[in-house]
N, C-alpha and C. Protein backbone atom coordinates (compact mmCIF):
# COMPACT_ATOMS: atom_id res chain seq x y z
N MET A 1 160.91 -5.83 -137.80
CA MET A 1 159.61 -5.37 -137.43
C MET A 1 158.76 -5.18 -138.67
N LYS A 2 157.53 -5.62 -138.62
CA LYS A 2 156.63 -5.50 -139.75
C LYS A 2 156.04 -4.10 -139.84
N LYS A 3 155.85 -3.63 -141.07
CA LYS A 3 155.17 -2.35 -141.27
C LYS A 3 153.70 -2.53 -140.97
N LYS A 4 153.10 -1.50 -140.42
CA LYS A 4 151.67 -1.53 -140.15
C LYS A 4 150.98 -0.83 -141.31
N TRP A 5 150.30 -1.59 -142.14
CA TRP A 5 149.58 -1.04 -143.27
C TRP A 5 148.18 -0.67 -142.85
N LYS A 6 147.71 0.44 -143.37
CA LYS A 6 146.38 0.90 -143.04
C LYS A 6 145.72 1.41 -144.31
N PHE A 7 144.54 0.89 -144.63
CA PHE A 7 143.81 1.35 -145.79
C PHE A 7 143.26 2.75 -145.53
N VAL A 8 143.44 3.64 -146.52
CA VAL A 8 142.89 4.98 -146.44
C VAL A 8 141.98 5.16 -147.64
N SER A 9 140.74 5.47 -147.39
CA SER A 9 139.76 5.68 -148.45
C SER A 9 140.20 6.84 -149.34
N PRO A 10 140.10 6.68 -150.67
CA PRO A 10 140.48 7.77 -151.58
C PRO A 10 139.74 9.07 -151.29
N GLU A 11 138.51 8.99 -150.76
CA GLU A 11 137.75 10.19 -150.44
C GLU A 11 138.43 11.02 -149.35
N LEU A 12 139.18 10.35 -148.48
CA LEU A 12 139.87 11.07 -147.40
C LEU A 12 141.18 11.71 -147.87
N MET A 13 141.66 11.30 -149.02
CA MET A 13 142.95 11.81 -149.53
C MET A 13 142.73 13.09 -150.34
N SER A 14 142.16 14.08 -149.68
CA SER A 14 141.81 15.32 -150.38
C SER A 14 142.45 16.56 -149.77
N LEU A 15 143.36 16.38 -148.81
CA LEU A 15 144.01 17.51 -148.17
C LEU A 15 145.02 18.13 -149.13
N GLU A 16 144.75 19.32 -149.60
CA GLU A 16 145.62 20.00 -150.57
C GLU A 16 146.72 20.81 -149.89
N LYS A 17 146.38 21.44 -148.76
CA LYS A 17 147.34 22.29 -148.04
C LYS A 17 147.48 21.74 -146.63
N TYR A 18 148.70 21.37 -146.27
CA TYR A 18 148.97 20.83 -144.94
C TYR A 18 149.11 21.96 -143.92
N PRO A 19 148.76 21.71 -142.66
CA PRO A 19 148.91 22.74 -141.62
C PRO A 19 150.35 23.25 -141.48
N CYS A 20 151.34 22.42 -141.85
CA CYS A 20 152.74 22.84 -141.74
C CYS A 20 153.15 23.80 -142.85
N GLY A 21 152.25 24.02 -143.83
CA GLY A 21 152.52 25.03 -144.86
C GLY A 21 152.79 24.51 -146.25
N VAL A 22 153.12 23.23 -146.41
CA VAL A 22 153.37 22.71 -147.76
C VAL A 22 152.04 22.35 -148.42
N ALA A 23 152.06 22.27 -149.75
CA ALA A 23 150.84 21.98 -150.48
C ALA A 23 151.09 20.92 -151.54
N ALA A 24 150.03 20.19 -151.85
CA ALA A 24 150.11 19.16 -152.89
C ALA A 24 150.61 19.79 -154.19
N GLY A 25 151.52 19.08 -154.84
CA GLY A 25 152.09 19.54 -156.10
C GLY A 25 153.42 20.26 -155.94
N GLU A 26 153.78 20.63 -154.72
CA GLU A 26 155.07 21.29 -154.51
C GLU A 26 156.20 20.27 -154.61
N ILE A 27 157.32 20.73 -155.12
CA ILE A 27 158.53 19.90 -155.23
C ILE A 27 159.45 20.28 -154.08
N ILE A 28 159.96 19.25 -153.40
CA ILE A 28 160.91 19.46 -152.32
C ILE A 28 162.21 18.74 -152.66
N SER A 29 163.31 19.23 -152.11
CA SER A 29 164.63 18.66 -152.37
C SER A 29 165.38 18.51 -151.05
N LEU A 30 166.05 17.38 -150.89
CA LEU A 30 166.80 17.13 -149.64
C LEU A 30 167.98 18.08 -149.49
N ARG A 31 168.12 18.66 -148.31
CA ARG A 31 169.26 19.54 -148.00
C ARG A 31 170.54 18.72 -147.82
N GLU A 32 170.40 17.53 -147.25
CA GLU A 32 171.56 16.66 -147.00
C GLU A 32 171.10 15.21 -147.09
N ASP A 33 172.04 14.29 -147.08
CA ASP A 33 171.68 12.87 -147.15
C ASP A 33 170.70 12.50 -146.04
N LEU A 34 169.76 11.63 -146.38
CA LEU A 34 168.77 11.14 -145.42
C LEU A 34 169.03 9.66 -145.19
N HIS A 35 169.41 9.31 -143.98
CA HIS A 35 169.68 7.93 -143.60
C HIS A 35 168.45 7.39 -142.88
N TYR A 36 167.85 6.38 -143.44
CA TYR A 36 166.65 5.79 -142.85
C TYR A 36 167.02 4.99 -141.61
N LYS A 37 166.16 5.07 -140.59
CA LYS A 37 166.40 4.37 -139.33
C LYS A 37 165.17 3.59 -138.92
N ASP A 38 165.38 2.54 -138.15
CA ASP A 38 164.25 1.78 -137.61
C ASP A 38 163.72 2.50 -136.36
N GLN A 39 162.73 1.92 -135.72
CA GLN A 39 162.12 2.56 -134.55
C GLN A 39 163.06 2.66 -133.36
N ASN A 40 164.16 1.90 -133.39
CA ASN A 40 165.15 1.96 -132.31
C ASN A 40 166.26 2.96 -132.60
N GLY A 41 166.19 3.63 -133.76
CA GLY A 41 167.20 4.61 -134.13
C GLY A 41 168.40 4.03 -134.84
N ASN A 42 168.35 2.76 -135.22
CA ASN A 42 169.47 2.12 -135.92
C ASN A 42 169.31 2.31 -137.43
N GLU A 43 170.39 2.70 -138.09
CA GLU A 43 170.35 2.86 -139.54
C GLU A 43 170.06 1.52 -140.20
N ILE A 44 169.23 1.53 -141.24
CA ILE A 44 168.85 0.28 -141.90
C ILE A 44 169.53 0.12 -143.26
N GLY A 45 170.40 1.05 -143.63
CA GLY A 45 171.15 0.92 -144.87
C GLY A 45 170.54 1.62 -146.07
N LYS A 46 169.36 2.15 -145.92
CA LYS A 46 168.71 2.88 -147.01
C LYS A 46 169.06 4.35 -146.88
N ILE A 47 169.51 4.93 -147.99
CA ILE A 47 169.92 6.34 -147.97
C ILE A 47 169.34 7.06 -149.19
N ARG A 48 168.85 8.25 -148.98
CA ARG A 48 168.49 9.17 -150.06
C ARG A 48 169.55 10.27 -150.02
N THR A 49 170.05 10.67 -151.18
CA THR A 49 171.15 11.62 -151.21
C THR A 49 170.67 13.07 -151.34
N ALA A 50 171.51 13.96 -150.86
CA ALA A 50 171.22 15.40 -150.93
C ALA A 50 170.89 15.77 -152.37
N GLY A 51 169.88 16.60 -152.53
CA GLY A 51 169.46 17.03 -153.85
C GLY A 51 168.34 16.20 -154.46
N GLU A 52 168.09 14.99 -153.92
CA GLU A 52 166.99 14.19 -154.45
C GLU A 52 165.69 14.94 -154.24
N GLU A 53 164.81 14.82 -155.23
CA GLU A 53 163.56 15.55 -155.20
C GLU A 53 162.36 14.63 -155.02
N ALA A 54 161.33 15.19 -154.41
CA ALA A 54 160.06 14.49 -154.22
C ALA A 54 158.94 15.49 -154.41
N MET A 55 157.74 14.99 -154.67
CA MET A 55 156.59 15.85 -154.82
C MET A 55 155.63 15.61 -153.65
N ILE A 56 155.08 16.67 -153.12
CA ILE A 56 154.07 16.58 -152.07
C ILE A 56 152.77 16.10 -152.71
N LEU A 57 152.16 15.09 -152.11
CA LEU A 57 150.89 14.54 -152.60
C LEU A 57 149.74 15.03 -151.72
N THR A 58 148.51 14.86 -152.20
CA THR A 58 147.38 15.17 -151.34
C THR A 58 147.42 14.25 -150.13
N GLY A 59 146.96 14.75 -149.01
CA GLY A 59 147.04 14.00 -147.78
C GLY A 59 145.69 13.57 -147.24
N ASN A 60 145.77 12.83 -146.15
CA ASN A 60 144.59 12.32 -145.46
C ASN A 60 144.05 13.43 -144.55
N GLN A 61 142.84 13.88 -144.81
CA GLN A 61 142.28 14.97 -144.02
C GLN A 61 142.11 14.62 -142.54
N ASN A 62 142.10 13.34 -142.20
CA ASN A 62 142.00 12.93 -140.79
C ASN A 62 143.36 12.86 -140.10
N GLU A 63 144.45 12.94 -140.87
CA GLU A 63 145.81 12.92 -140.31
C GLU A 63 146.65 13.99 -141.01
N PRO A 64 146.32 15.26 -140.81
CA PRO A 64 147.00 16.33 -141.54
C PRO A 64 148.47 16.53 -141.16
N GLU A 65 148.90 15.94 -140.05
CA GLU A 65 150.31 16.05 -139.65
C GLU A 65 151.20 15.06 -140.39
N VAL A 66 150.60 14.13 -141.12
CA VAL A 66 151.35 13.13 -141.90
C VAL A 66 151.41 13.61 -143.35
N VAL A 67 152.62 13.91 -143.81
CA VAL A 67 152.82 14.42 -145.17
C VAL A 67 153.13 13.26 -146.11
N TRP A 68 152.38 13.20 -147.21
CA TRP A 68 152.57 12.16 -148.22
C TRP A 68 153.45 12.72 -149.33
N ILE A 69 154.49 11.96 -149.71
CA ILE A 69 155.38 12.39 -150.79
C ILE A 69 155.61 11.25 -151.78
N ARG A 70 156.00 11.62 -152.99
CA ARG A 70 156.41 10.63 -154.00
C ARG A 70 157.77 11.08 -154.54
N TRP A 71 158.75 10.20 -154.36
CA TRP A 71 160.10 10.44 -154.88
C TRP A 71 160.09 10.34 -156.40
N ARG A 72 161.10 10.88 -157.03
CA ARG A 72 161.22 10.83 -158.49
C ARG A 72 161.25 9.39 -159.02
N ASP A 73 161.72 8.45 -158.19
CA ASP A 73 161.76 7.05 -158.64
C ASP A 73 160.40 6.36 -158.50
N GLY A 74 159.39 7.09 -158.04
CA GLY A 74 158.03 6.56 -157.93
C GLY A 74 157.65 6.05 -156.56
N GLU A 75 158.61 5.90 -155.66
CA GLU A 75 158.30 5.39 -154.33
C GLU A 75 157.54 6.44 -153.52
N LYS A 76 156.44 6.00 -152.90
CA LYS A 76 155.64 6.88 -152.05
C LYS A 76 155.96 6.61 -150.60
N GLU A 77 155.97 7.68 -149.82
CA GLU A 77 156.25 7.56 -148.39
C GLU A 77 155.41 8.56 -147.62
N THR A 78 155.26 8.29 -146.35
CA THR A 78 154.64 9.25 -145.45
C THR A 78 155.67 9.66 -144.40
N TRP A 79 155.63 10.92 -144.03
CA TRP A 79 156.55 11.44 -143.04
C TRP A 79 155.79 12.36 -142.10
N ASP A 80 156.22 12.40 -140.85
CA ASP A 80 155.75 13.40 -139.92
C ASP A 80 156.20 14.77 -140.45
N SER A 81 155.37 15.77 -140.34
CA SER A 81 155.70 17.07 -140.91
C SER A 81 156.99 17.68 -140.35
N SER A 82 157.47 17.21 -139.21
CA SER A 82 158.70 17.75 -138.63
C SER A 82 159.93 17.47 -139.50
N ILE A 83 159.87 16.47 -140.38
CA ILE A 83 161.01 16.16 -141.24
C ILE A 83 161.22 17.21 -142.33
N LEU A 84 160.24 18.05 -142.55
CA LEU A 84 160.33 19.02 -143.64
C LEU A 84 161.47 20.01 -143.47
N ASP A 85 162.02 20.13 -142.27
CA ASP A 85 163.21 20.97 -142.08
C ASP A 85 164.39 20.42 -142.86
N SER A 86 164.35 19.15 -143.23
CA SER A 86 165.43 18.51 -143.98
C SER A 86 165.34 18.78 -145.48
N PHE A 87 164.30 19.50 -145.90
CA PHE A 87 164.06 19.75 -147.32
C PHE A 87 164.06 21.23 -147.65
N ILE A 88 164.32 21.52 -148.91
CA ILE A 88 164.14 22.85 -149.48
C ILE A 88 162.88 22.77 -150.34
N ILE A 89 161.98 23.70 -150.17
CA ILE A 89 160.78 23.74 -150.99
C ILE A 89 161.13 24.51 -152.26
N LYS A 90 161.00 23.82 -153.40
CA LYS A 90 161.44 24.40 -154.68
C LYS A 90 160.31 25.04 -155.47
N GLY A 91 159.06 24.76 -155.10
CA GLY A 91 157.94 25.36 -155.82
C GLY A 91 157.02 24.31 -156.39
N LYS A 92 156.04 24.76 -157.13
CA LYS A 92 155.02 23.87 -157.71
C LYS A 92 155.58 23.07 -158.87
N ASN A 93 155.07 21.85 -159.02
CA ASN A 93 155.40 20.99 -160.16
C ASN A 93 154.74 21.59 -161.40
N THR A 94 155.49 21.71 -162.48
CA THR A 94 154.92 22.28 -163.70
C THR A 94 154.81 21.26 -164.79
């Protein structure tokens, strides 16, 4: 299945504090391994291991339920805010 790419204007990427409580610049860490799955629920072979850290990025003010993160390896991803239960919030990036 192809990813659906959508252009987001930089002006819209100004959400500093998400409704779910996390804020841009905070560091989060995985509580346990994260196994990526396709839309049918099948594992695709990509895994992030427990303890891996990511930083919360500013979000799209028109989609505040979508949390933008950047992993330490530089990869950026978006997640529904419900996934945040899988992370420990470690505090602000210094």
